[in-house]
């Protein structure tokens, strides 16, 4: 009986990704392969989901690309999309939670979904709102949310 209950309360990867995908699309992200992205005038924000090698703990990786840094010097817009698909990013942040982002952790699916969405509203949406412009990216760097080299901050 205990195994049956554990099975019912454990969410599978496919269901987890479905919740996240729905959320990202509701927030105007476009899905391409395993990446969701949103394009602003100065910035492209890309998101992918990564699973731990050691457990069913998941991470949401946020990568931010300043278009000027790529398109003026190195890439056309189409080539930049290829860079995004390869999951390289100029700025990188990760969101996770050891409880509801860990599918080994037993939790009612409705509660897990509620907590995931609440967590994304609390942590992801503020990053996305600020990261929509170069000045917002600079603010995220100065707040310590996005790591960066000092030379990059000067260029922003």
C-alpha atoms as a PDB file:
ATOM      1  CA  UNK A   1       0.000   0.000   0.000  1.00  0.00           C
ATOM      2  CA  UNK A   2       2.808   2.420   0.868  1.00  0.00           C
ATOM      3  CA  UNK A   3       4.411   1.970  -2.576  1.00  0.00           C
ATOM      4  CA  UNK A   4       1.071   2.740  -4.212  1.00  0.00           C
ATOM      5  CA  UNK A   5       0.732   5.991  -2.236  1.00  0.00           C
ATOM      6  CA  UNK A   6       4.332   6.981  -3.016  1.00  0.00           C
ATOM      7  CA  UNK A   7       3.650   6.415  -6.709  1.00  0.00           C
ATOM      8  CA  UNK A   8       0.504   8.545  -6.677  1.00  0.00           C
ATOM      9  CA  UNK A   9       2.196  11.449  -4.897  1.00  0.00           C
ATOM     10  CA  UNK A  10       5.383  11.458  -6.978  1.00  0.00           C
ATOM     11  CA  UNK A  11       5.167  13.649 -10.026  1.00  0.00           C
ATOM     12  CA  UNK A  12       6.841  12.504 -13.217  1.00  0.00           C
ATOM     13  CA  UNK A  13       9.218  14.624 -15.294  1.00  0.00           C
ATOM     14  CA  UNK A  14       6.720  14.937 -18.144  1.00  0.00           C
ATOM     15  CA  UNK A  15       4.051  16.400 -15.842  1.00  0.00           C
ATOM     16  CA  UNK A  16       6.569  18.774 -14.253  1.00  0.00           C
ATOM     17  CA  UNK A  17       7.725  20.069 -17.640  1.00  0.00           C
ATOM     18  CA  UNK A  18       4.106  20.428 -18.753  1.00  0.00           C
ATOM     19  CA  UNK A  19       3.358  22.731 -15.780  1.00  0.00           C
ATOM     20  CA  UNK A  20       6.438  24.838 -16.518  1.00  0.00           C
ATOM     21  CA  UNK A  21       5.792  24.954 -20.260  1.00  0.00           C
ATOM     22  CA  UNK A  22       2.225  26.156 -19.714  1.00  0.00           C
ATOM     23  CA  UNK A  23       3.494  28.821 -17.307  1.00  0.00           C
ATOM     24  CA  UNK A  24       6.219  30.066 -19.674  1.00  0.00           C
ATOM     25  CA  UNK A  25       3.840  30.230 -22.640  1.00  0.00           C
ATOM     26  CA  UNK A  26       1.272  32.131 -20.528  1.00  0.00           C
ATOM     27  CA  UNK A  27       4.076  34.663 -19.903  1.00  0.00           C
ATOM     28  CA  UNK A  28       4.690  35.120 -23.651  1.00  0.00           C
ATOM     29  CA  UNK A  29       7.671  32.809 -24.028  1.00  0.00           C
ATOM     30  CA  UNK A  30       8.078  30.951 -27.306  1.00  0.00           C
ATOM     31  CA  UNK A  31       9.078  27.295 -27.167  1.00  0.00           C
ATOM     32  CA  UNK A  32      11.715  25.994 -29.533  1.00  0.00           C
ATOM     33  CA  UNK A  33      12.970  22.472 -28.889  1.00  0.00           C
ATOM     34  CA  UNK A  34      13.671  22.336 -25.144  1.00  0.00           C
ATOM     35  CA  UNK A  35      14.102  26.099 -24.739  1.00  0.00           C
ATOM     36  CA  UNK A  36      11.582  28.824 -24.026  1.00  0.00           C
ATOM     37  CA  UNK A  37      12.592  32.345 -24.983  1.00  0.00           C
ATOM     38  CA  UNK A  38      11.233  35.850 -25.124  1.00  0.00           C
ATOM     39  CA  UNK A  39      12.691  38.579 -27.276  1.00  0.00           C
ATOM     40  CA  UNK A  40      12.733  42.233 -26.227  1.00  0.00           C
ATOM     41  CA  UNK A  41      14.183  45.239 -28.064  1.00  0.00           C
ATOM     42  CA  UNK A  42      17.601  44.984 -26.397  1.00  0.00           C
ATOM     43  CA  UNK A  43      17.604  41.526 -24.839  1.00  0.00           C
ATOM     44  CA  UNK A  44      16.677  37.896 -25.403  1.00  0.00           C
ATOM     45  CA  UNK A  45      15.818  35.861 -22.319  1.00  0.00           C
ATOM     46  CA  UNK A  46      16.010  32.074 -22.680  1.00  0.00           C
ATOM     47  CA  UNK A  47      14.953  29.410 -20.197  1.00  0.00           C
ATOM     48  CA  UNK A  48      15.642  25.705 -20.083  1.00  0.00           C
ATOM     49  CA  UNK A  49      15.015  22.984 -17.532  1.00  0.00           C
ATOM     50  CA  UNK A  50      17.864  20.865 -16.218  1.00  0.00           C
ATOM     51  CA  UNK A  51      17.664  17.743 -14.086  1.00  0.00           C
ATOM     52  CA  UNK A  52      20.294  16.890 -11.486  1.00  0.00           C
ATOM     53  CA  UNK A  53      22.548  13.963 -12.350  1.00  0.00           C
ATOM     54  CA  UNK A  54      22.015  12.544  -8.867  1.00  0.00           C
ATOM     55  CA  UNK A  55      18.299  12.876  -8.209  1.00  0.00           C
ATOM     56  CA  UNK A  56      15.010  14.098  -9.614  1.00  0.00           C
ATOM     57  CA  UNK A  57      15.788  17.659  -8.530  1.00  0.00           C
ATOM     58  CA  UNK A  58      15.205  20.172 -11.330  1.00  0.00           C
ATOM     59  CA  UNK A  59      16.661  23.585 -12.042  1.00  0.00           C
ATOM     60  CA  UNK A  60      15.339  26.390 -14.196  1.00  0.00           C
ATOM     61  CA  UNK A  61      18.252  27.986 -16.009  1.00  0.00           C
ATOM     62  CA  UNK A  62      17.814  31.564 -17.167  1.00  0.00           C
ATOM     63  CA  UNK A  63      20.183  32.894 -19.807  1.00  0.00           C
ATOM     64  CA  UNK A  64      20.209  36.495 -20.919  1.00  0.00           C
ATOM     65  CA  UNK A  65      21.654  37.770 -24.175  1.00  0.00           C
ATOM     66  CA  UNK A  66      22.276  41.444 -24.890  1.00  0.00           C
ATOM     67  CA  UNK A  67      21.513  41.671 -28.597  1.00  0.00           C
ATOM     68  CA  UNK A  68      24.040  44.437 -29.295  1.00  0.00           C
ATOM     69  CA  UNK A  69      26.892  42.314 -27.982  1.00  0.00           C
ATOM     70  CA  UNK A  70      26.072  39.582 -30.461  1.00  0.00           C
ATOM     71  CA  UNK A  71      24.450  41.091 -33.525  1.00  0.00           C
ATOM     72  CA  UNK A  72      26.729  44.125 -33.957  1.00  0.00           C
ATOM     73  CA  UNK A  73      29.940  42.185 -33.585  1.00  0.00           C
ATOM     74  CA  UNK A  74      29.493  38.476 -34.117  1.00  0.00           C
ATOM     75  CA  UNK A  75      26.127  37.230 -35.240  1.00  0.00           C
ATOM     76  CA  UNK A  76      23.053  37.915 -37.303  1.00  0.00           C
ATOM     77  CA  UNK A  77      19.730  37.440 -35.488  1.00  0.00           C
ATOM     78  CA  UNK A  78      19.402  33.960 -37.020  1.00  0.00           C
ATOM     79  CA  UNK A  79      22.890  32.979 -35.838  1.00  0.00           C
ATOM     80  CA  UNK A  80      22.070  34.301 -32.369  1.00  0.00           C
ATOM     81  CA  UNK A  81      19.080  31.933 -32.245  1.00  0.00           C
ATOM     82  CA  UNK A  82      21.486  29.083 -33.017  1.00  0.00           C
ATOM     83  CA  UNK A  83      23.678  30.203 -30.102  1.00  0.00           C
ATOM     84  CA  UNK A  84      20.612  30.177 -27.837  1.00  0.00           C
ATOM     85  CA  UNK A  85      19.696  26.668 -28.963  1.00  0.00           C
ATOM     86  CA  UNK A  86      23.193  25.534 -27.976  1.00  0.00           C
ATOM     87  CA  UNK A  87      22.500  26.911 -24.476  1.00  0.00           C
ATOM     88  CA  UNK A  88      25.340  29.383 -24.220  1.00  0.00           C
ATOM     89  CA  UNK A  89      24.517  32.594 -22.422  1.00  0.00           C
ATOM     90  CA  UNK A  90      26.107  35.887 -21.602  1.00  0.00           C
ATOM     91  CA  UNK A  91      24.403  36.088 -18.192  1.00  0.00           C
ATOM     92  CA  UNK A  92      23.174  33.066 -16.293  1.00  0.00           C
ATOM     93  CA  UNK A  93      20.995  32.466 -13.224  1.00  0.00           C
ATOM     94  CA  UNK A  94      19.329  29.366 -11.797  1.00  0.00           C
ATOM     95  CA  UNK A  95      16.104  28.914  -9.851  1.00  0.00           C
ATOM     96  CA  UNK A  96      15.343  25.765  -7.870  1.00  0.00           C
ATOM     97  CA  UNK A  97      13.790  24.548  -4.635  1.00  0.00           C
ATOM     98  CA  UNK A  98      14.750  21.375  -2.764  1.00  0.00           C
ATOM     99  CA  UNK A  99      11.144  20.506  -2.007  1.00  0.00           C
ATOM    100  CA  UNK A 100       8.764  21.065  -4.876  1.00  0.00           C
ATOM    101  CA  UNK A 101      11.370  21.071  -7.679  1.00  0.00           C
ATOM    102  CA  UNK A 102      12.502  17.657  -6.421  1.00  0.00           C
ATOM    103  CA  UNK A 103      10.226  14.985  -7.843  1.00  0.00           C
ATOM    104  CA  UNK A 104      11.547  12.413  -5.359  1.00  0.00           C
ATOM    105  CA  UNK A 105       9.961  14.515  -2.613  1.00  0.00           C
ATOM    106  CA  UNK A 106       6.458  13.223  -1.901  1.00  0.00           C
ATOM    107  CA  UNK A 107       3.929  16.001  -2.329  1.00  0.00           C
ATOM    108  CA  UNK A 108       0.346  16.217  -3.566  1.00  0.00           C
ATOM    109  CA  UNK A 109       0.415  17.245  -7.247  1.00  0.00           C
ATOM    110  CA  UNK A 110      -1.961  20.176  -6.806  1.00  0.00           C
ATOM    111  CA  UNK A 111       0.075  21.513  -3.904  1.00  0.00           C
ATOM    112  CA  UNK A 112       3.300  21.017  -5.872  1.00  0.00           C
ATOM    113  CA  UNK A 113       1.880  22.871  -8.880  1.00  0.00           C
ATOM    114  CA  UNK A 114       0.659  25.730  -6.673  1.00  0.00           C
ATOM    115  CA  UNK A 115       4.073  26.010  -4.984  1.00  0.00           C
ATOM    116  CA  UNK A 116       5.934  25.883  -8.308  1.00  0.00           C
ATOM    117  CA  UNK A 117       3.827  28.682  -9.774  1.00  0.00           C
ATOM    118  CA  UNK A 118       4.106  30.769  -6.608  1.00  0.00           C
ATOM    119  CA  UNK A 119       7.888  30.280  -6.600  1.00  0.00           C
ATOM    120  CA  UNK A 120       8.141  31.331 -10.250  1.00  0.00           C
ATOM    121  CA  UNK A 121       5.979  34.386  -9.610  1.00  0.00           C
ATOM    122  CA  UNK A 122       8.225  35.327  -6.693  1.00  0.00           C
ATOM    123  CA  UNK A 123      11.650  34.719  -8.268  1.00  0.00           C
ATOM    124  CA  UNK A 124      11.417  34.341 -12.049  1.00  0.00           C
ATOM    125  CA  UNK A 125       9.002  37.120 -13.005  1.00  0.00           C
ATOM    126  CA  UNK A 126      10.966  39.906 -11.223  1.00  0.00           C
ATOM    127  CA  UNK A 127      14.133  38.778 -13.042  1.00  0.00           C
ATOM    128  CA  UNK A 128      12.348  38.716 -16.389  1.00  0.00           C
ATOM    129  CA  UNK A 129      10.851  42.158 -15.841  1.00  0.00           C
ATOM    130  CA  UNK A 130      14.221  43.708 -15.010  1.00  0.00           C
ATOM    131  CA  UNK A 131      16.143  41.756 -17.631  1.00  0.00           C
ATOM    132  CA  UNK A 132      14.059  43.204 -20.456  1.00  0.00           C
ATOM    133  CA  UNK A 133      16.510  46.077 -20.943  1.00  0.00           C
ATOM    134  CA  UNK A 134      20.259  46.594 -20.704  1.00  0.00           C
ATOM    135  CA  UNK A 135      19.799  48.914 -17.720  1.00  0.00           C
ATOM    136  CA  UNK A 136      17.669  46.243 -16.021  1.00  0.00           C
ATOM    137  CA  UNK A 137      20.374  43.635 -16.629  1.00  0.00           C
ATOM    138  CA  UNK A 138      22.896  46.017 -15.093  1.00  0.00           C
ATOM    139  CA  UNK A 139      20.648  46.367 -12.048  1.00  0.00           C
ATOM    140  CA  UNK A 140      20.402  42.566 -11.701  1.00  0.00           C
ATOM    141  CA  UNK A 141      24.206  42.390 -11.819  1.00  0.00           C
ATOM    142  CA  UNK A 142      24.690  45.111  -9.201  1.00  0.00           C
ATOM    143  CA  UNK A 143      22.131  43.377  -6.929  1.00  0.00           C
ATOM    144  CA  UNK A 144      24.165  40.166  -7.211  1.00  0.00           C
ATOM    145  CA  UNK A 145      21.387  38.214  -8.932  1.00  0.00           C
ATOM    146  CA  UNK A 146      23.387  37.810 -12.149  1.00  0.00           C
ATOM    147  CA  UNK A 147      27.117  37.174 -11.947  1.00  0.00           C
ATOM    148  CA  UNK A 148      29.271  39.138 -14.391  1.00  0.00           C
ATOM    149  CA  UNK A 149      32.716  40.496 -14.999  1.00  0.00           C
ATOM    150  CA  UNK A 150      33.289  44.156 -14.012  1.00  0.00           C
ATOM    151  CA  UNK A 151      34.183  45.018 -17.616  1.00  0.00           C
ATOM    152  CA  UNK A 152      30.744  43.909 -18.784  1.00  0.00           C
ATOM    153  CA  UNK A 153      29.037  46.244 -16.302  1.00  0.00           C
ATOM    154  CA  UNK A 154      31.003  49.189 -17.709  1.00  0.00           C
ATOM    155  CA  UNK A 155      29.865  48.398 -21.247  1.00  0.00           C
ATOM    156  CA  UNK A 156      26.206  48.217 -20.220  1.00  0.00           C
END
